[in-house]
Amino acid sequence: MEWVFVGEVVEWRGPAPFYFVAMPEGDSADLKEAARALIYWGQIPVRVVIGGTEFGTALFPRDGRYLVPLKDAVRKAEGISVGDVVTVELRPAPKKS
C-alpha cells in the first residue's frame, strides 16, 4: 500500500528544531490499521519520497495523525523550508531483522 498526500512543512521546537509534514487524519487512521504488525513504540517504519529524494524514517503519532520527520539532508536536497507545501509519497517498510 502507498499513500500520497500534500502537507505543509512545520517546525517543532525542542532542544533542537525538528521539521515535519503531518499526514492527514483519515490517511493516518488507514495507515495505522494497514501497518498494525509493523508498529513499535507507536511508530511506523516507512519509505518516503519527496521530489527526487527517497529515504527511510519512522512516523511519529501526534494528535490522531502521523508526522513525517524531514531529515536535514532531505530538506537541503529538495530546497525545502518551513511553510513550504510538499507532496509526500510513503509506504510501510518491513522491520529489519
N, C-alpha and C. Protein backbone atom coordinates (compact mmCIF):
# COMPACT_ATOMS: atom_id res chain seq x y z
N MET A 1 0.84 -1.18 0.00
CA MET A 1 0.00 0.00 0.00
C MET A 1 0.88 1.24 0.00
N GLU A 2 0.34 2.29 -0.61
CA GLU A 2 1.07 3.55 -0.67
C GLU A 2 0.10 4.70 -0.45
N TRP A 3 0.57 5.73 0.22
CA TRP A 3 -0.22 6.94 0.45
C TRP A 3 0.50 8.11 -0.18
N VAL A 4 -0.25 8.98 -0.81
CA VAL A 4 0.28 10.21 -1.38
C VAL A 4 -0.57 11.35 -0.84
N PHE A 5 0.08 12.36 -0.27
CA PHE A 5 -0.66 13.49 0.27
C PHE A 5 0.20 14.74 0.18
N VAL A 6 -0.44 15.88 0.34
CA VAL A 6 0.23 17.17 0.31
C VAL A 6 0.13 17.78 1.70
N GLY A 7 1.23 18.35 2.19
CA GLY A 7 1.21 18.94 3.52
C GLY A 7 2.23 20.05 3.65
N GLU A 8 2.02 20.87 4.66
CA GLU A 8 2.92 21.99 4.95
C GLU A 8 4.03 21.55 5.90
N VAL A 9 5.23 22.01 5.63
CA VAL A 9 6.37 21.72 6.49
C VAL A 9 6.28 22.62 7.72
N VAL A 10 6.31 21.99 8.90
CA VAL A 10 6.24 22.73 10.16
C VAL A 10 7.48 22.45 10.98
N GLU A 11 7.80 23.39 11.86
CA GLU A 11 8.94 23.25 12.75
C GLU A 11 8.42 22.98 14.16
N TRP A 12 9.03 22.02 14.83
CA TRP A 12 8.69 21.71 16.20
C TRP A 12 9.93 22.03 17.02
N ARG A 13 9.83 23.01 17.85
CA ARG A 13 10.99 23.45 18.65
C ARG A 13 11.13 22.56 19.87
N GLY A 14 12.33 22.21 20.14
CA GLY A 14 12.68 21.44 21.32
C GLY A 14 14.11 21.80 21.66
N PRO A 15 14.87 20.87 22.21
CA PRO A 15 16.27 21.16 22.43
C PRO A 15 16.96 21.50 21.09
N ALA A 16 16.46 20.91 20.02
CA ALA A 16 16.92 21.22 18.66
C ALA A 16 15.67 21.26 17.79
N PRO A 17 15.68 22.07 16.75
CA PRO A 17 14.48 22.11 15.90
C PRO A 17 14.33 20.83 15.08
N PHE A 18 13.09 20.42 14.90
CA PHE A 18 12.76 19.28 14.06
C PHE A 18 11.72 19.73 13.06
N TYR A 19 11.73 19.14 11.89
CA TYR A 19 10.82 19.53 10.82
C TYR A 19 9.97 18.32 10.42
N PHE A 20 8.67 18.58 10.23
CA PHE A 20 7.73 17.50 9.94
C PHE A 20 6.71 17.94 8.91
N VAL A 21 6.08 16.94 8.29
CA VAL A 21 4.88 17.13 7.49
C VAL A 21 3.84 16.21 8.12
N ALA A 22 2.67 16.74 8.45
CA ALA A 22 1.61 15.93 9.07
C ALA A 22 0.81 15.22 8.00
N MET A 23 0.61 13.94 8.20
CA MET A 23 -0.24 13.13 7.33
C MET A 23 -1.69 13.46 7.69
N PRO A 24 -2.59 13.56 6.70
CA PRO A 24 -4.00 13.83 7.02
C PRO A 24 -4.57 12.78 8.00
N GLU A 25 -5.53 13.20 8.78
CA GLU A 25 -6.09 12.34 9.82
C GLU A 25 -6.67 11.03 9.27
N GLY A 26 -7.44 11.11 8.19
CA GLY A 26 -8.03 9.90 7.60
C GLY A 26 -6.97 8.93 7.09
N ASP A 27 -5.96 9.48 6.40
CA ASP A 27 -4.87 8.64 5.91
C ASP A 27 -4.09 8.03 7.07
N SER A 28 -3.92 8.79 8.15
CA SER A 28 -3.21 8.29 9.33
C SER A 28 -3.93 7.08 9.92
N ALA A 29 -5.25 7.17 10.01
CA ALA A 29 -6.05 6.06 10.55
C ALA A 29 -5.95 4.84 9.65
N ASP A 30 -6.01 5.05 8.33
CA ASP A 30 -5.88 3.94 7.38
C ASP A 30 -4.51 3.28 7.49
N LEU A 31 -3.46 4.10 7.58
CA LEU A 31 -2.10 3.57 7.68
C LEU A 31 -1.93 2.79 8.98
N LYS A 32 -2.45 3.32 10.07
CA LYS A 32 -2.33 2.63 11.36
C LYS A 32 -2.93 1.23 11.28
N GLU A 33 -4.08 1.12 10.66
CA GLU A 33 -4.74 -0.18 10.52
C GLU A 33 -3.94 -1.10 9.59
N ALA A 34 -3.50 -0.57 8.45
CA ALA A 34 -2.79 -1.38 7.46
C ALA A 34 -1.42 -1.85 7.96
N ALA A 35 -0.77 -1.04 8.79
CA ALA A 35 0.59 -1.35 9.24
C ALA A 35 0.64 -1.84 10.68
N ARG A 36 -0.47 -2.31 11.19
CA ARG A 36 -0.55 -2.72 12.60
C ARG A 36 0.60 -3.64 13.02
N ALA A 37 1.00 -4.57 12.18
CA ALA A 37 2.06 -5.53 12.53
C ALA A 37 3.45 -4.87 12.57
N LEU A 38 3.60 -3.68 12.00
CA LEU A 38 4.90 -3.01 11.95
C LEU A 38 5.11 -2.00 13.08
N ILE A 39 4.05 -1.64 13.78
CA ILE A 39 4.12 -0.58 14.77
C ILE A 39 4.96 -1.02 15.98
N TYR A 40 5.91 -0.16 16.35
CA TYR A 40 6.68 -0.39 17.57
C TYR A 40 6.86 0.95 18.27
N TRP A 41 6.62 0.99 19.58
CA TRP A 41 6.68 2.21 20.38
C TRP A 41 5.80 3.29 19.75
N GLY A 42 4.72 2.89 19.09
CA GLY A 42 3.81 3.84 18.47
C GLY A 42 4.25 4.36 17.12
N GLN A 43 5.44 3.99 16.68
CA GLN A 43 5.98 4.47 15.42
C GLN A 43 5.82 3.43 14.32
N ILE A 44 5.77 3.92 13.08
CA ILE A 44 5.67 3.03 11.92
C ILE A 44 6.85 3.30 11.01
N PRO A 45 7.68 2.27 10.72
CA PRO A 45 8.78 2.46 9.78
C PRO A 45 8.23 2.58 8.35
N VAL A 46 8.74 3.55 7.61
CA VAL A 46 8.25 3.81 6.24
C VAL A 46 9.39 4.17 5.31
N ARG A 47 9.11 4.05 4.02
CA ARG A 47 9.95 4.60 2.95
C ARG A 47 9.18 5.79 2.42
N VAL A 48 9.86 6.91 2.23
CA VAL A 48 9.23 8.16 1.82
C VAL A 48 9.92 8.70 0.58
N VAL A 49 9.13 9.29 -0.31
CA VAL A 49 9.67 10.00 -1.46
C VAL A 49 9.11 11.42 -1.44
N ILE A 50 10.01 12.39 -1.48
CA ILE A 50 9.64 13.79 -1.64
C ILE A 50 10.49 14.32 -2.77
N GLY A 51 9.83 14.78 -3.83
CA GLY A 51 10.57 15.23 -5.02
C GLY A 51 11.36 14.07 -5.58
N GLY A 52 12.66 14.25 -5.74
CA GLY A 52 13.52 13.19 -6.27
C GLY A 52 14.30 12.46 -5.19
N THR A 53 13.93 12.67 -3.92
CA THR A 53 14.66 12.07 -2.81
C THR A 53 13.83 11.00 -2.12
N GLU A 54 14.42 9.82 -1.99
CA GLU A 54 13.77 8.72 -1.25
C GLU A 54 14.59 8.45 0.00
N PHE A 55 13.89 8.21 1.12
CA PHE A 55 14.58 7.96 2.37
C PHE A 55 13.71 7.12 3.30
N GLY A 56 14.35 6.50 4.27
CA GLY A 56 13.65 5.73 5.29
C GLY A 56 13.55 6.54 6.56
N THR A 57 12.44 6.36 7.27
CA THR A 57 12.24 7.04 8.55
C THR A 57 11.15 6.31 9.32
N ALA A 58 10.78 6.82 10.46
CA ALA A 58 9.66 6.26 11.24
C ALA A 58 8.71 7.41 11.55
N LEU A 59 7.42 7.16 11.37
CA LEU A 59 6.40 8.16 11.62
C LEU A 59 6.10 8.24 13.10
N PHE A 60 5.88 9.44 13.60
CA PHE A 60 5.54 9.68 15.00
C PHE A 60 4.05 10.00 15.11
N PRO A 61 3.32 9.36 16.04
CA PRO A 61 1.91 9.71 16.24
C PRO A 61 1.81 11.01 17.04
N ARG A 62 0.87 11.87 16.64
CA ARG A 62 0.65 13.12 17.37
C ARG A 62 -0.75 13.62 17.08
N ASP A 63 -1.60 13.68 18.10
CA ASP A 63 -2.95 14.22 17.98
C ASP A 63 -3.77 13.55 16.87
N GLY A 64 -3.71 12.22 16.80
CA GLY A 64 -4.52 11.48 15.83
C GLY A 64 -3.97 11.47 14.41
N ARG A 65 -2.76 11.97 14.23
CA ARG A 65 -2.13 12.00 12.92
C ARG A 65 -0.70 11.50 13.05
N TYR A 66 -0.14 11.07 11.94
CA TYR A 66 1.28 10.71 11.94
C TYR A 66 2.07 11.88 11.37
N LEU A 67 3.25 12.10 11.96
CA LEU A 67 4.16 13.14 11.49
C LEU A 67 5.31 12.49 10.75
N VAL A 68 5.61 13.01 9.56
CA VAL A 68 6.74 12.53 8.76
C VAL A 68 7.93 13.44 9.07
N PRO A 69 8.97 12.92 9.74
CA PRO A 69 10.13 13.75 10.03
C PRO A 69 10.95 13.99 8.75
N LEU A 70 11.41 15.22 8.57
CA LEU A 70 12.22 15.57 7.41
C LEU A 70 13.66 15.77 7.85
N LYS A 71 14.51 14.88 7.41
CA LYS A 71 15.93 14.96 7.74
C LYS A 71 16.53 16.18 7.06
N ASP A 72 17.59 16.74 7.67
CA ASP A 72 18.28 17.89 7.09
C ASP A 72 18.72 17.61 5.66
N ALA A 73 19.26 16.41 5.43
CA ALA A 73 19.75 16.06 4.08
C ALA A 73 18.63 16.11 3.05
N VAL A 74 17.43 15.70 3.44
CA VAL A 74 16.28 15.73 2.52
C VAL A 74 15.87 17.18 2.27
N ARG A 75 15.77 17.96 3.33
CA ARG A 75 15.37 19.37 3.16
C ARG A 75 16.37 20.12 2.29
N LYS A 76 17.66 19.88 2.49
CA LYS A 76 18.68 20.55 1.67
C LYS A 76 18.63 20.09 0.22
N ALA A 77 18.51 18.78 0.01
CA ALA A 77 18.48 18.23 -1.36
C ALA A 77 17.30 18.76 -2.15
N GLU A 78 16.16 18.96 -1.49
CA GLU A 78 14.94 19.38 -2.17
C GLU A 78 14.66 20.88 -2.01
N GLY A 79 15.52 21.61 -1.29
CA GLY A 79 15.32 23.04 -1.09
C GLY A 79 14.06 23.36 -0.31
N ILE A 80 13.77 22.56 0.71
CA ILE A 80 12.54 22.68 1.50
C ILE A 80 12.77 23.55 2.73
N SER A 81 11.83 24.46 2.98
CA SER A 81 11.88 25.33 4.16
C SER A 81 10.56 25.24 4.91
N VAL A 82 10.56 25.75 6.14
CA VAL A 82 9.33 25.82 6.93
C VAL A 82 8.28 26.61 6.15
N GLY A 83 7.05 26.10 6.14
CA GLY A 83 5.96 26.75 5.44
C GLY A 83 5.77 26.28 4.01
N ASP A 84 6.76 25.59 3.45
CA ASP A 84 6.60 25.04 2.10
C ASP A 84 5.55 23.94 2.12
N VAL A 85 4.86 23.79 1.02
CA VAL A 85 3.89 22.70 0.86
C VAL A 85 4.53 21.68 -0.07
N VAL A 86 4.59 20.42 0.39
CA VAL A 86 5.26 19.37 -0.37
C VAL A 86 4.32 18.19 -0.58
N THR A 87 4.61 17.44 -1.63
CA THR A 87 3.89 16.19 -1.89
C THR A 87 4.73 15.05 -1.31
N VAL A 88 4.08 14.23 -0.50
CA VAL A 88 4.75 13.12 0.19
C VAL A 88 4.16 11.81 -0.30
N GLU A 89 5.02 10.90 -0.72
CA GLU A 89 4.62 9.53 -1.04
C GLU A 89 5.24 8.64 0.01
N LEU A 90 4.44 7.77 0.61
CA LEU A 90 5.04 6.87 1.60
C LEU A 90 4.39 5.50 1.56
N ARG A 91 5.16 4.54 2.00
CA ARG A 91 4.68 3.17 2.12
C ARG A 91 5.34 2.54 3.34
N PRO A 92 4.60 1.67 4.02
CA PRO A 92 5.19 0.98 5.17
C PRO A 92 6.41 0.17 4.75
N ALA A 93 7.40 0.12 5.61
CA ALA A 93 8.62 -0.63 5.36
C ALA A 93 8.71 -1.76 6.37
N PRO A 94 9.01 -2.96 5.91
CA PRO A 94 9.11 -4.07 6.87
C PRO A 94 10.26 -3.83 7.84
N LYS A 95 10.08 -4.33 9.06
CA LYS A 95 11.13 -4.23 10.07
C LYS A 95 12.34 -5.01 9.61
N LYS A 96 13.51 -4.48 9.92
CA LYS A 96 14.74 -5.21 9.64
C LYS A 96 15.01 -6.17 10.78
N SER A 97 15.45 -7.37 10.43
CA SER A 97 15.71 -8.35 11.48
C SER A 97 17.14 -8.35 11.89
